[in-house]
C-alpha atoms as a PDB file:
ATOM      1  CA  ASN A   1       6.181  -7.694   5.505  1.00  0.00           C
ATOM      2  CA  ALA A   2       4.514  -4.280   6.444  1.00  0.00           C
ATOM      3  CA  CYS A   3       1.536  -5.294   4.269  1.00  0.00           C
ATOM      4  CA  HIS A   4       0.119  -7.219   7.039  1.00  0.00           C
ATOM      5  CA  THR A   5      -0.419  -4.429   9.100  1.00  0.00           C
ATOM      6  CA  VAL A   6      -3.112  -3.640   6.671  1.00  0.00           C
ATOM      7  CA  LEU A   7      -5.178  -6.465   8.204  1.00  0.00           C
ATOM      8  CA  PRO A   8      -7.987  -5.235  10.339  1.00  0.00           C
ATOM      9  CA  THR A   9      -8.049  -5.952  14.112  1.00  0.00           C
ATOM     10  CA  LEU A  10     -10.853  -7.702  15.707  1.00  0.00           C
ATOM     11  CA  ASP A  11     -13.156  -5.220  16.842  1.00  0.00           C
ATOM     12  CA  SER A  12     -16.617  -5.702  18.337  1.00  0.00           C
ATOM     13  CA  GLN A  13     -18.012  -3.121  15.712  1.00  0.00           C
ATOM     14  CA  LEU A  14     -17.202  -5.314  13.019  1.00  0.00           C
ATOM     15  CA  ASP A  15     -19.220  -8.404  12.265  1.00  0.00           C
ATOM     16  CA  VAL A  16     -17.656 -11.630  10.844  1.00  0.00           C
ATOM     17  CA  GLU A  17     -18.779 -10.719   7.163  1.00  0.00           C
ATOM     18  CA  GLN A  18     -17.204  -7.321   7.289  1.00  0.00           C
ATOM     19  CA  LEU A  19     -13.999  -8.826   8.885  1.00  0.00           C
ATOM     20  CA  HIS A  20     -13.678 -11.199   6.000  1.00  0.00           C
ATOM     21  CA  LEU A  21     -14.231  -8.450   3.301  1.00  0.00           C
ATOM     22  CA  LYS A  22     -11.634  -6.357   5.086  1.00  0.00           C
ATOM     23  CA  ALA A  23      -9.121  -9.331   4.932  1.00  0.00           C
ATOM     24  CA  GLN A  24      -9.836 -10.027   1.291  1.00  0.00           C
ATOM     25  CA  GLN A  25      -9.347  -6.268   0.503  1.00  0.00           C
ATOM     26  CA  SER A  26      -6.344  -6.248   2.617  1.00  0.00           C
ATOM     27  CA  ASP A  27      -4.947  -9.473   0.657  1.00  0.00           C
ATOM     28  CA  LEU A  28      -5.636  -7.874  -2.832  1.00  0.00           C
ATOM     29  CA  ILE A  29      -3.579  -4.683  -1.897  1.00  0.00           C
ATOM     30  CA  CYS A  30      -0.812  -6.483  -0.499  1.00  0.00           C
ATOM     31  CA  LYS A  31      -0.556  -8.751  -3.637  1.00  0.00           C
ATOM     32  CA  ALA A  32      -0.722  -5.676  -5.859  1.00  0.00           C
ATOM     33  CA  ILE A  33       2.171  -4.159  -3.591  1.00  0.00           C
ATOM     34  CA  GLN A  34       4.282  -7.211  -4.083  1.00  0.00           C
ATOM     35  CA  THR A  35       4.314  -6.732  -7.891  1.00  0.00           C
ATOM     36  CA  LEU A  36       6.043  -3.213  -7.429  1.00  0.00           C
ATOM     37  CA  SER A  37       9.736  -3.154  -7.817  1.00  0.00           C
ATOM     38  CA  PRO A  38      11.735  -3.354  -4.885  1.00  0.00           C
ATOM     39  CA  ASP A  39      12.318   0.373  -4.832  1.00  0.00           C
ATOM     40  CA  GLN A  40       8.809   1.260  -5.225  1.00  0.00           C
ATOM     41  CA  GLN A  41       7.759  -1.187  -2.434  1.00  0.00           C
ATOM     42  CA  GLN A  42      10.259   0.305   0.035  1.00  0.00           C
ATOM     43  CA  VAL A  43       8.830   3.905  -0.673  1.00  0.00           C
ATOM     44  CA  ILE A  44       5.473   2.849  -0.399  1.00  0.00           C
ATOM     45  CA  GLU A  45       5.826   1.171   2.913  1.00  0.00           C
ATOM     46  CA  LEU A  46       7.517   4.232   4.197  1.00  0.00           C
ATOM     47  CA  THR A  47       4.920   6.378   3.248  1.00  0.00           C
ATOM     48  CA  PHE A  48       1.749   4.461   3.811  1.00  0.00           C
ATOM     49  CA  PHE A  49       2.615   1.991   6.591  1.00  0.00           C
ATOM     50  CA  ARG A  50       5.288   3.992   8.593  1.00  0.00           C
ATOM     51  CA  GLY A  51       4.077   7.512   7.701  1.00  0.00           C
ATOM     52  CA  LEU A  52       7.165   9.120   6.772  1.00  0.00           C
ATOM     53  CA  THR A  53       6.962  12.382   4.652  1.00  0.00           C
ATOM     54  CA  ASN A  54       8.701  12.378   1.356  1.00  0.00           C
ATOM     55  CA  GLN A  55      11.663  14.347   2.715  1.00  0.00           C
ATOM     56  CA  GLU A  56      12.111  11.934   5.669  1.00  0.00           C
ATOM     57  CA  ILE A  57      12.276   9.003   2.890  1.00  0.00           C
ATOM     58  CA  ALA A  58      14.829  11.017   1.065  1.00  0.00           C
ATOM     59  CA  ASP A  59      16.869  11.546   4.064  1.00  0.00           C
ATOM     60  CA  HIS A  60      16.477   8.021   5.374  1.00  0.00           C
ATOM     61  CA  LEU A  61      17.389   6.541   1.898  1.00  0.00           C
ATOM     62  CA  ALA A  62      20.063   9.074   1.027  1.00  0.00           C
ATOM     63  CA  ILE A  63      18.449   9.775  -2.357  1.00  0.00           C
ATOM     64  CA  PRO A  64      16.964  12.961  -3.897  1.00  0.00           C
ATOM     65  CA  LEU A  65      13.695  14.002  -2.872  1.00  0.00           C
ATOM     66  CA  GLY A  66      12.686  14.125  -6.544  1.00  0.00           C
ATOM     67  CA  THR A  67      13.582  10.574  -6.904  1.00  0.00           C
ATOM     68  CA  VAL A  68      11.361   9.765  -3.792  1.00  0.00           C
ATOM     69  CA  LYS A  69       8.256  11.747  -5.366  1.00  0.00           C
ATOM     70  CA  GLY A  70       8.932   9.738  -8.874  1.00  0.00           C
ATOM     71  CA  ARG A  71       8.953   6.434  -7.153  1.00  0.00           C
ATOM     72  CA  ILE A  72       5.742   7.013  -5.309  1.00  0.00           C
ATOM     73  CA  ARG A  73       3.877   8.314  -8.469  1.00  0.00           C
ATOM     74  CA  LEU A  74       5.081   5.435 -10.439  1.00  0.00           C
ATOM     75  CA  ALA A  75       4.190   2.795  -7.940  1.00  0.00           C
ATOM     76  CA  LEU A  76       0.911   4.666  -7.227  1.00  0.00           C
ATOM     77  CA  GLN A  77       0.218   4.383 -11.037  1.00  0.00           C
ATOM     78  CA  HIS A  78       1.043   0.888 -11.254  1.00  0.00           C
ATOM     79  CA  LEU A  79      -1.154  -0.180  -8.207  1.00  0.00           C
ATOM     80  CA  ARG A  80      -4.038   1.691  -9.793  1.00  0.00           C
ATOM     81  CA  ARG A  81      -3.832  -0.185 -12.996  1.00  0.00           C
ATOM     82  CA  ARG A  82      -3.440  -3.370 -10.899  1.00  0.00           C
ATOM     83  CA  LEU A  83      -6.375  -2.602  -8.762  1.00  0.00           C
ATOM     84  CA  GLU A  84      -8.716  -1.178 -11.198  1.00  0.00           C
ATOM     85  CA  PRO A  85     -10.650  -4.498 -12.134  1.00  0.00           C
ATOM     86  CA  ALA A  86     -11.201  -4.867  -8.218  1.00  0.00           C
ATOM     87  CA  MET A  87     -12.533  -1.328  -7.955  1.00  0.00           C
ATOM     88  CA  ARG A  88     -14.742  -1.660 -10.795  1.00  0.00           C
ATOM     89  CA  LYS A  89     -16.372  -4.706  -9.391  1.00  0.00           C
ATOM     90  CA  GLY A  90     -16.881  -2.823  -5.995  1.00  0.00           C
ATOM     91  CA  TRP A  91     -14.365  -4.794  -4.076  1.00  0.00           C
ATOM     92  CA  LEU A  92     -12.333  -1.906  -2.869  1.00  0.00           C
END
């Protein structure tokens, strides 16, 4: 699962409290991503964790570019709704 790449690495610049907060934020985001459909999870992973462009994703998956864009848009809308309570509380 590419979600685990969100977790911060140990860095002397981060104190334990900051590291804990980043781990909690990563966990919230990963859990939200897991609620997406498999197709939406796939395009989110390819876009945000692997850095592929929309066209590269379309070519890789052999689907139309518009389908890629639509899946990303729907996934981001879903994630926004799912994470909104945490954002309002200042957790993200």
